[in-house]
Amino acid sequence: MNLRLLAAKVLTRVVVDGQSLTVALEQVLQTVESPQDRALVQALCYGVCRQYHRLDFILSQLLDRPLKDIHIRLLILVGLYQLGFMRIKTHAAVSETVNAAGRKPWAKGLINALLRRYLREREPFEKAADENASASCSHPEWLIAKIRQDWPDEADRCLRENNQPPPFALRVNLARISREAYRELLNAQGLAAELPGFCASALILDQPVPVERLPGFAEGLVSVQDTAAQLAAGLLDVQPGQRVLDLCAAPGGKTAHILEMQPQLKEMVAIDVDANRLRRVEDNLRRLRLEAKTVAGDASHPEDWWDGRQFDRILVDAPCSALGVIRRHPDIKLLRRAGDIEPLAALQRAILDAAWSLLAPGGCLLYATCSVLKEENERRIVDFLAGHPDAIEWPITAEWGAARAAGRQILPGDLAMDGFYYARLRKA
């Protein structure tokens, strides 16, 4: 089994078929038994997605004319990534990538020639990539322009952070075990972790590990969740006896965290439009020994599923461009398009308007996205406040993120977190 071939197959599903990297990898890795082999395929796929625009630019410089065979083109990118970014012996990277071309003699010769030419003339090719706007930071041009428009002073750092591997953050189930006690369990397994001071449930492992190595994972002592996402439950300020609604809840991390923080709710309802993804919510709740009512429904059309009783707390975990979590999902740079933003903003507006009618007077709504674009974040809330006289911003005071015209923005890498946005509203 040629692992470079498997990586190219995964990347073909992403680039050609538009599959997410997570789904494509999950399907292909079912055929790989060795943990080391699985890790290599995953590293190749994530790496090529992170550096796609740089690698593709270098390939265009190496070629005399465009290469029509997309599978072979992606296979060459796998080869270039190994040579440019991995500690794999040169001869092994070249020979295994060449062999992955299978029964295409023309492709084997081409791959061998291009990779060896890159090795001989690497410096000028890398210099040319550094001087190209898209290649130098390995982002599509439209996204670079968007980030620079919204964050002119922070854009370079944001683009750099997007290309870094994310930290491995855990959420400790404080209803079952203290953070300090869980860190002792990790230490006993030879796993080191840091405790962020601004989030009581978070632990950051020094190195990512399979969840099977996390003590008590199957028993519900801990979950994998970025620290930025863990802030939602505390911001919602849930009290005993309240009814709480989580809109667009899948995969259920925030639903579960709310229940961990406040086990004495009157009712917890989790809504998601995708019935398949809703099953992941149910699986996570089952592992954590928590209970919530799960409903497959469209958050923008509550008349199809709402029972008419208003909620004391609502979390709107809005569908968004996910441009704040690129370092965790680098395929976003390949799959997201500039034309996606306006329809997403319209959907966010519709969900906010619908959710507001479900909130009881005096209740709190928390709006959250994993985007860094102002169009999806602060502008959405400023517009909402202007159109709803009974909506009052409940300001977020925190040592993380930056206060905006409305809400608070976290950019990728701030205190080692993903890019996130939160705004908290009260209903008069």
Protein backbone atom coordinates (compact mmCIF):
# COMPACT_ATOMS: atom_id res chain seq x y z
CA MET A 1 0.00 0.00 0.00
CA ASN A 2 1.54 3.30 -1.12
CA LEU A 3 0.78 5.98 1.45
CA ARG A 4 1.52 8.85 -0.96
CA LEU A 5 -1.09 7.41 -3.31
CA LEU A 6 -3.63 7.35 -0.48
CA ALA A 7 -2.82 10.97 0.37
CA ALA A 8 -3.32 12.00 -3.26
CA LYS A 9 -6.68 10.19 -3.30
CA VAL A 10 -7.80 12.08 -0.20
CA LEU A 11 -6.69 15.39 -1.68
CA THR A 12 -8.51 14.60 -4.95
CA ARG A 13 -11.73 14.16 -2.98
CA VAL A 14 -11.19 17.56 -1.38
CA VAL A 15 -10.02 19.55 -4.43
CA VAL A 16 -12.16 17.91 -7.12
CA ASP A 17 -15.21 16.58 -5.25
CA GLY A 18 -15.42 19.33 -2.62
CA GLN A 19 -15.41 16.92 0.32
CA SER A 20 -14.16 18.14 3.65
CA LEU A 21 -10.72 16.87 4.59
CA THR A 22 -12.13 15.30 7.75
CA VAL A 23 -14.68 13.22 5.82
CA ALA A 24 -12.28 12.28 3.02
CA LEU A 25 -9.60 11.15 5.46
CA GLU A 26 -12.08 9.19 7.54
CA GLN A 27 -13.16 7.21 4.48
CA VAL A 28 -9.68 6.46 3.18
CA LEU A 29 -8.01 5.71 6.52
CA GLN A 30 -10.45 2.86 7.16
CA THR A 31 -8.17 0.79 4.90
CA VAL A 32 -5.00 1.62 6.87
CA GLU A 33 -4.26 -0.50 9.96
CA SER A 34 -0.90 0.82 11.17
CA PRO A 35 -1.17 3.91 13.45
CA GLN A 36 2.14 5.16 12.04
CA ASP A 37 0.89 4.85 8.47
CA ARG A 38 -2.37 6.58 9.35
CA ALA A 39 -0.43 9.41 10.98
CA LEU A 40 1.76 9.85 7.87
CA VAL A 41 -1.22 10.00 5.49
CA GLN A 42 -2.91 12.52 7.76
CA ALA A 43 0.24 14.64 8.04
CA LEU A 44 0.66 14.67 4.25
CA CYS A 45 -2.96 15.67 3.63
CA TYR A 46 -3.10 18.38 6.28
CA GLY A 47 0.30 19.68 5.23
CA VAL A 48 -0.55 19.93 1.54
CA CYS A 49 -3.82 21.72 2.36
CA ARG A 50 -1.98 24.19 4.61
CA GLN A 51 0.69 24.91 2.01
CA TYR A 52 -1.45 24.30 -1.09
CA HIS A 53 -1.18 27.76 -2.63
CA ARG A 54 2.58 27.88 -2.13
CA LEU A 55 3.16 24.36 -3.43
CA ASP A 56 0.86 24.91 -6.41
CA PHE A 57 2.71 28.10 -7.31
CA ILE A 58 6.07 26.30 -7.19
CA LEU A 59 4.66 23.52 -9.35
CA SER A 60 3.47 26.07 -11.91
CA GLN A 61 7.04 27.40 -12.05
CA LEU A 62 8.44 23.90 -12.53
CA LEU A 63 6.07 23.01 -15.37
CA ASP A 64 6.47 24.13 -18.97
CA ARG A 65 2.70 23.90 -19.51
CA PRO A 66 -0.34 23.22 -17.30
CA LEU A 67 -0.79 19.63 -16.12
CA LYS A 68 -4.31 18.40 -16.87
CA ASP A 69 -4.21 15.20 -14.82
CA ILE A 70 -5.41 16.54 -11.44
CA HIS A 71 -4.53 13.34 -9.55
CA ILE A 72 -0.92 13.44 -10.74
CA ARG A 73 -0.76 17.17 -10.02
CA LEU A 74 -1.84 16.54 -6.42
CA LEU A 75 0.62 13.67 -6.15
CA ILE A 76 3.42 16.05 -7.13
CA LEU A 77 2.25 18.48 -4.44
CA VAL A 78 2.54 15.60 -1.95
CA GLY A 79 6.11 15.10 -3.14
CA LEU A 80 6.96 18.80 -2.91
CA TYR A 81 5.50 19.00 0.59
CA GLN A 82 7.71 16.14 1.78
CA LEU A 83 10.82 17.78 0.32
CA GLY A 84 10.00 21.26 1.57
CA PHE A 85 8.38 20.72 4.94
CA MET A 86 8.96 17.20 6.30
CA ARG A 87 11.91 15.35 7.78
CA ILE A 88 11.64 12.46 5.34
CA LYS A 89 14.79 11.25 3.63
CA THR A 90 15.00 12.75 0.15
CA HIS A 91 15.43 9.47 -1.71
CA ALA A 92 12.44 7.93 0.08
CA ALA A 93 10.21 10.94 -0.58
CA VAL A 94 11.07 10.96 -4.30
CA SER A 95 10.96 7.20 -4.92
CA GLU A 96 7.72 6.58 -3.01
CA THR A 97 6.00 9.50 -4.72
CA VAL A 98 7.18 8.30 -8.14
CA ASN A 99 5.97 4.77 -7.41
CA ALA A 100 2.54 6.13 -6.45
CA ALA A 101 1.95 7.03 -10.10
CA GLY A 102 1.31 3.32 -10.72
CA ARG A 103 0.81 2.31 -14.34
CA LYS A 104 1.48 5.73 -15.82
CA PRO A 105 5.08 5.65 -17.11
CA TRP A 106 4.82 9.23 -18.42
CA ALA A 107 3.77 10.42 -14.96
CA LYS A 108 6.59 8.56 -13.20
CA GLY A 109 9.15 10.24 -15.43
CA LEU A 110 7.55 13.64 -14.97
CA ILE A 111 7.30 13.36 -11.18
CA ASN A 112 10.90 12.19 -10.88
CA ALA A 113 12.17 15.02 -13.09
CA LEU A 114 10.17 17.75 -11.35
CA LEU A 115 11.04 16.69 -7.82
CA ARG A 116 14.73 16.34 -8.63
CA ARG A 117 14.74 19.71 -10.38
CA TYR A 118 13.17 21.28 -7.29
CA LEU A 119 15.93 19.76 -5.15
CA ARG A 120 18.64 21.14 -7.47
CA GLU A 121 17.11 24.63 -7.88
CA ARG A 122 15.13 24.97 -4.67
CA GLU A 123 16.34 28.44 -3.66
CA PRO A 124 15.06 30.43 -6.69
CA PHE A 125 11.71 28.63 -6.61
CA GLU A 126 11.24 29.38 -2.92
CA LYS A 127 12.31 32.99 -3.47
CA ALA A 128 9.74 33.40 -6.25
CA ALA A 129 7.05 31.97 -3.94
CA ASP A 130 8.04 34.42 -1.21
CA GLU A 131 7.52 37.29 -3.65
CA ASN A 132 4.04 36.13 -4.72
CA ALA A 133 1.17 37.44 -2.54
CA SER A 134 -0.89 34.24 -2.52
CA ALA A 135 2.04 31.80 -2.40
CA SER A 136 3.97 33.62 0.31
CA CYS A 137 1.23 33.15 2.89
CA SER A 138 -0.47 30.18 1.18
CA HIS A 139 -3.97 31.67 1.07
CA PRO A 140 -6.28 32.43 -1.85
CA GLU A 141 -6.14 36.05 -2.99
CA TRP A 142 -9.78 36.82 -2.13
CA LEU A 143 -9.26 35.68 1.47
CA ILE A 144 -6.05 37.68 1.88
CA ALA A 145 -7.93 40.77 0.69
CA LYS A 146 -10.83 40.12 3.11
CA ILE A 147 -8.55 39.68 6.12
CA ARG A 148 -6.44 42.73 5.24
CA GLN A 149 -9.59 44.82 4.78
CA ASP A 150 -11.02 43.86 8.19
CA TRP A 151 -7.76 43.58 10.15
CA PRO A 152 -5.06 45.72 8.47
CA ASP A 153 -2.80 45.77 11.53
CA GLU A 154 -3.24 42.10 12.46
CA ALA A 155 -3.52 40.57 8.98
CA ASP A 156 0.04 39.27 8.64
CA ARG A 157 -0.08 37.58 12.04
CA CYS A 158 -3.52 36.14 11.31
CA LEU A 159 -2.34 34.67 8.00
CA ARG A 160 0.74 33.18 9.67
CA GLU A 161 -1.31 31.65 12.48
CA ASN A 162 -3.66 30.07 9.96
CA ASN A 163 -0.75 27.97 8.69
CA GLN A 164 0.30 26.69 12.13
CA PRO A 165 -0.87 23.36 13.56
CA PRO A 166 -3.48 24.04 16.28
CA PRO A 167 -2.90 23.29 19.97
CA PHE A 168 -4.54 20.18 21.39
CA ALA A 169 -7.07 21.59 23.85
CA LEU A 170 -9.20 19.58 26.24
CA ARG A 171 -12.33 20.45 28.20
CA VAL A 172 -12.39 18.81 31.62
CA ASN A 173 -15.83 17.75 32.86
CA LEU A 174 -15.75 19.72 36.10
CA ALA A 175 -18.96 18.05 37.26
CA ARG A 176 -16.94 14.83 37.52
CA ILE A 177 -13.34 15.81 38.25
CA SER A 178 -11.28 18.91 38.94
CA ARG A 179 -8.89 20.24 36.33
CA GLU A 180 -5.91 19.73 38.64
CA ALA A 181 -6.91 16.12 39.37
CA TYR A 182 -7.29 15.39 35.68
CA ARG A 183 -3.86 16.85 34.97
CA GLU A 184 -2.47 14.38 37.51
CA LEU A 185 -4.09 11.55 35.52
CA LEU A 186 -2.41 12.91 32.39
CA ASN A 187 0.94 13.15 34.12
CA ALA A 188 0.62 9.53 35.23
CA GLN A 189 0.30 8.62 31.54
CA GLY A 190 3.38 10.67 30.67
CA LEU A 191 1.31 13.49 29.16
CA ALA A 192 2.13 17.10 30.06
CA ALA A 193 -0.47 19.88 29.98
CA GLU A 194 -0.83 23.59 30.70
CA LEU A 195 -3.76 25.23 32.50
CA PRO A 196 -4.94 28.49 30.87
CA GLY A 197 -5.79 30.99 33.55
CA PHE A 198 -8.77 32.54 31.77
CA CYS A 199 -10.78 29.33 31.19
CA ALA A 200 -11.45 27.11 34.20
CA SER A 201 -12.22 23.95 32.21
CA ALA A 202 -9.37 24.03 29.66
CA LEU A 203 -6.15 22.05 29.46
CA ILE A 204 -3.61 22.37 26.63
CA LEU A 205 -1.57 19.24 25.94
CA ASP A 206 2.04 19.65 24.87
CA GLN A 207 1.47 17.16 22.04
CA PRO A 208 -1.71 15.85 20.35
CA VAL A 209 -2.57 12.23 21.11
CA PRO A 210 -5.34 9.83 20.02
CA VAL A 211 -8.37 10.17 22.30
CA GLU A 212 -7.87 6.54 23.32
CA ARG A 213 -4.77 7.68 25.22
CA LEU A 214 -6.72 10.26 27.23
CA PRO A 215 -7.52 8.83 30.68
CA GLY A 216 -11.24 8.63 31.29
CA PHE A 217 -12.23 9.82 27.82
CA ALA A 218 -14.65 6.95 27.20
CA GLU A 219 -16.10 7.49 30.68
CA GLY A 220 -16.80 11.17 30.02
CA LEU A 221 -14.14 12.84 32.15
CA VAL A 222 -12.85 14.95 29.28
CA SER A 223 -13.63 16.13 25.74
CA VAL A 224 -11.56 17.60 22.92
CA GLN A 225 -12.58 21.24 22.38
CA ASP A 226 -10.66 24.41 21.58
CA THR A 227 -10.41 26.85 24.46
CA ALA A 228 -12.24 29.58 22.51
CA ALA A 229 -15.28 27.33 22.10
CA GLN A 230 -15.22 26.57 25.83
CA LEU A 231 -15.90 30.22 26.65
CA ALA A 232 -19.52 30.01 25.42
CA ALA A 233 -21.00 28.14 28.38
CA GLY A 234 -19.69 30.62 30.94
CA LEU A 235 -20.79 33.64 28.92
CA LEU A 236 -24.34 32.30 28.77
CA ASP A 237 -24.56 32.55 32.59
CA VAL A 238 -27.03 29.68 32.91
CA GLN A 239 -28.92 29.39 36.22
CA PRO A 240 -30.73 26.46 37.89
CA GLY A 241 -34.27 25.86 36.68
CA GLN A 242 -33.85 27.61 33.34
CA ARG A 243 -34.81 26.40 29.86
CA VAL A 244 -31.86 26.61 27.48
CA LEU A 245 -31.77 26.35 23.69
CA ASP A 246 -28.67 25.59 21.60
CA LEU A 247 -29.29 26.43 17.94
CA CYS A 248 -27.07 24.82 15.27
CA ALA A 249 -25.79 22.56 18.05
CA ALA A 250 -23.81 19.84 16.25
CA PRO A 251 -21.43 18.28 17.14
CA GLY A 252 -22.65 19.15 20.63
CA GLY A 253 -19.56 20.35 22.49
CA LYS A 254 -21.21 23.54 23.73
CA THR A 255 -24.46 21.74 24.58
CA ALA A 256 -22.53 19.30 26.72
CA HIS A 257 -20.45 22.02 28.38
CA ILE A 258 -23.60 23.94 29.41
CA LEU A 259 -24.95 20.78 31.02
CA GLU A 260 -21.63 20.10 32.75
CA MET A 261 -21.63 23.61 34.20
CA GLN A 262 -25.28 23.64 35.23
CA PRO A 263 -26.81 20.18 35.82
CA GLN A 264 -30.00 21.62 37.39
CA LEU A 265 -31.64 22.96 34.24
CA LYS A 266 -35.35 22.66 33.69
CA GLU A 267 -34.68 21.65 30.07
CA MET A 268 -31.85 21.67 27.53
CA VAL A 269 -32.87 21.60 23.86
CA ALA A 270 -30.35 21.12 21.04
CA ILE A 271 -31.42 21.90 17.47
CA ASP A 272 -29.56 21.13 14.26
CA VAL A 273 -30.75 21.06 10.67
CA ASP A 274 -28.67 17.96 9.85
CA ALA A 275 -30.10 14.78 11.36
CA ASN A 276 -26.85 12.90 10.77
CA ARG A 277 -24.80 15.52 12.61
CA LEU A 278 -27.41 15.54 15.37
CA ARG A 279 -26.54 11.91 16.03
CA ARG A 280 -23.04 13.07 16.92
CA VAL A 281 -24.60 15.36 19.54
CA GLU A 282 -26.45 12.37 20.97
CA ASP A 283 -23.30 10.22 20.92
CA ASN A 284 -21.32 12.90 22.77
CA LEU A 285 -24.04 13.36 25.37
CA ARG A 286 -24.22 9.59 25.89
CA ARG A 287 -20.47 9.34 26.44
CA LEU A 288 -20.60 12.22 28.92
CA ARG A 289 -23.67 10.75 30.69
CA LEU A 290 -25.71 13.88 29.99
CA GLU A 291 -29.27 14.35 28.76
CA ALA A 292 -30.81 16.88 26.38
CA LYS A 293 -33.74 16.99 24.02
CA THR A 294 -32.39 16.83 20.46
CA VAL A 295 -34.49 17.98 17.51
CA ALA A 296 -33.71 18.01 13.80
CA GLY A 297 -34.94 21.37 12.61
CA ASP A 298 -34.10 24.58 10.76
CA ALA A 299 -33.04 27.30 13.19
CA SER A 300 -34.39 29.98 10.85
CA HIS A 301 -37.87 28.37 10.82
CA PRO A 302 -38.74 27.54 14.45
CA GLU A 303 -42.44 27.35 13.61
CA ASP A 304 -41.70 23.82 12.33
CA TRP A 305 -40.41 22.53 15.70
CA TRP A 306 -40.98 25.04 18.52
CA ASP A 307 -43.55 24.17 21.21
CA GLY A 308 -44.40 27.81 21.97
CA ARG A 309 -42.61 28.01 25.34
CA GLN A 310 -39.92 30.67 25.48
CA PHE A 311 -36.36 30.04 26.64
CA ASP A 312 -34.36 31.81 29.35
CA ARG A 313 -31.05 31.34 27.54
CA ILE A 314 -30.33 30.84 23.84
CA LEU A 315 -27.01 30.04 22.23
CA VAL A 316 -26.92 30.90 18.52
CA ASP A 317 -23.87 28.98 17.31
CA ALA A 318 -24.35 30.48 13.88
CA PRO A 319 -23.40 28.81 10.59
CA CYS A 320 -20.43 30.78 9.31
CA SER A 321 -17.45 30.79 6.96
CA ALA A 322 -15.30 29.12 9.68
CA LEU A 323 -12.38 31.35 8.70
CA GLY A 324 -11.26 31.46 12.33
CA VAL A 325 -10.49 27.73 12.43
CA ILE A 326 -8.38 27.39 9.27
CA ARG A 327 -5.40 26.11 11.23
CA ARG A 328 -7.63 23.27 12.47
CA HIS A 329 -9.33 22.74 9.08
CA PRO A 330 -6.88 23.94 6.39
CA ASP A 331 -9.12 22.61 3.61
CA ILE A 332 -11.30 25.67 4.26
CA LYS A 333 -8.79 27.63 2.15
CA LEU A 334 -9.58 25.30 -0.77
CA LEU A 335 -13.33 24.88 -0.30
CA ARG A 336 -14.56 28.30 0.80
CA ARG A 337 -15.36 30.90 -1.90
CA ALA A 338 -15.74 34.67 -1.72
CA GLY A 339 -19.34 34.30 -2.88
CA ASP A 340 -20.20 32.22 0.20
CA ILE A 341 -20.00 35.12 2.66
CA GLU A 342 -23.08 37.12 1.67
CA PRO A 343 -25.49 34.13 1.76
CA LEU A 344 -24.04 33.11 5.13
CA ALA A 345 -24.59 36.62 6.49
CA ALA A 346 -28.19 36.50 5.28
CA LEU A 347 -28.71 33.14 7.01
CA GLN A 348 -27.18 34.49 10.23
CA ARG A 349 -29.58 37.44 10.09
CA ALA A 350 -32.56 35.10 9.62
CA ILE A 351 -31.51 32.83 12.49
CA LEU A 352 -30.96 35.76 14.85
CA ASP A 353 -34.38 37.21 14.04
CA ALA A 354 -36.04 33.83 14.54
CA ALA A 355 -34.17 33.09 17.77
CA TRP A 356 -35.13 36.44 19.30
CA SER A 357 -38.80 35.54 19.17
CA LEU A 358 -38.05 32.40 21.22
CA LEU A 359 -36.31 34.31 24.03
CA ALA A 360 -38.24 35.23 27.16
CA PRO A 361 -38.18 38.85 28.40
CA GLY A 362 -35.14 39.33 30.63
CA GLY A 363 -33.45 36.38 28.93
CA CYS A 364 -29.99 36.24 27.40
CA LEU A 365 -28.94 35.34 23.84
CA LEU A 366 -25.31 34.55 23.04
CA TYR A 367 -24.29 34.88 19.39
CA ALA A 368 -21.16 32.92 18.44
CA THR A 369 -19.20 32.28 15.26
CA CYS A 370 -15.80 30.80 14.44
CA SER A 371 -15.22 33.51 11.83
CA VAL A 372 -12.91 36.54 11.76
CA LEU A 373 -14.95 38.55 9.24
CA LYS A 374 -16.74 41.63 10.55
CA GLU A 375 -19.59 41.05 8.10
CA GLU A 376 -20.49 37.88 10.00
CA ASN A 377 -19.67 39.20 13.44
CA GLU A 378 -19.81 42.73 14.83
CA ARG A 379 -21.69 44.20 11.84
CA ARG A 380 -24.29 41.49 12.17
CA ILE A 381 -24.90 42.41 15.81
CA VAL A 382 -24.79 46.20 15.25
CA ASP A 383 -27.45 45.80 12.56
CA PHE A 384 -29.52 43.52 14.80
CA LEU A 385 -29.42 45.98 17.70
CA ALA A 386 -30.49 48.81 15.40
CA GLY A 387 -33.51 46.81 14.25
CA HIS A 388 -34.61 45.47 17.64
CA PRO A 389 -35.33 48.17 20.26
CA ASP A 390 -35.89 45.48 22.93
CA ALA A 391 -32.34 44.12 22.43
CA ILE A 392 -29.65 45.43 24.81
CA GLU A 393 -26.02 44.45 24.54
CA TRP A 394 -24.69 42.80 27.68
CA PRO A 395 -21.00 43.72 27.34
CA ILE A 396 -18.38 41.02 27.73
CA THR A 397 -15.51 42.01 30.00
CA ALA A 398 -12.62 39.57 29.66
CA GLU A 399 -8.86 39.23 29.48
CA TRP A 400 -9.18 37.46 26.14
CA GLY A 401 -10.04 38.92 22.74
CA ALA A 402 -10.71 42.55 21.82
CA ALA A 403 -13.85 44.61 22.39
CA ARG A 404 -15.50 45.63 19.12
CA ALA A 405 -18.35 47.96 18.14
CA ALA A 406 -20.47 45.10 19.47
CA GLY A 407 -19.24 41.89 21.03
CA ARG A 408 -15.71 40.61 21.42
CA GLN A 409 -13.37 39.16 18.76
CA ILE A 410 -10.65 36.55 19.16
CA LEU A 411 -8.19 36.27 16.26
CA PRO A 412 -6.37 32.99 15.49
CA GLY A 413 -3.49 32.47 17.89
CA ASP A 414 -4.70 34.94 20.55
CA LEU A 415 -3.80 33.15 23.81
CA ALA A 416 -3.35 30.02 21.65
CA MET A 417 -7.06 30.00 20.70
CA ASP A 418 -8.93 29.59 17.44
CA GLY A 419 -10.53 32.66 15.86
CA PHE A 420 -13.94 33.21 17.50
CA TYR A 421 -16.52 35.93 18.00
CA TYR A 422 -19.04 36.36 20.83
CA ALA A 423 -21.79 38.91 21.43
CA ARG A 424 -24.20 38.75 24.37
CA LEU A 425 -27.66 40.32 24.28
CA ARG A 426 -30.41 40.79 26.84
CA LYS A 427 -34.11 41.07 26.02
CA ALA A 428 -35.80 43.99 27.73
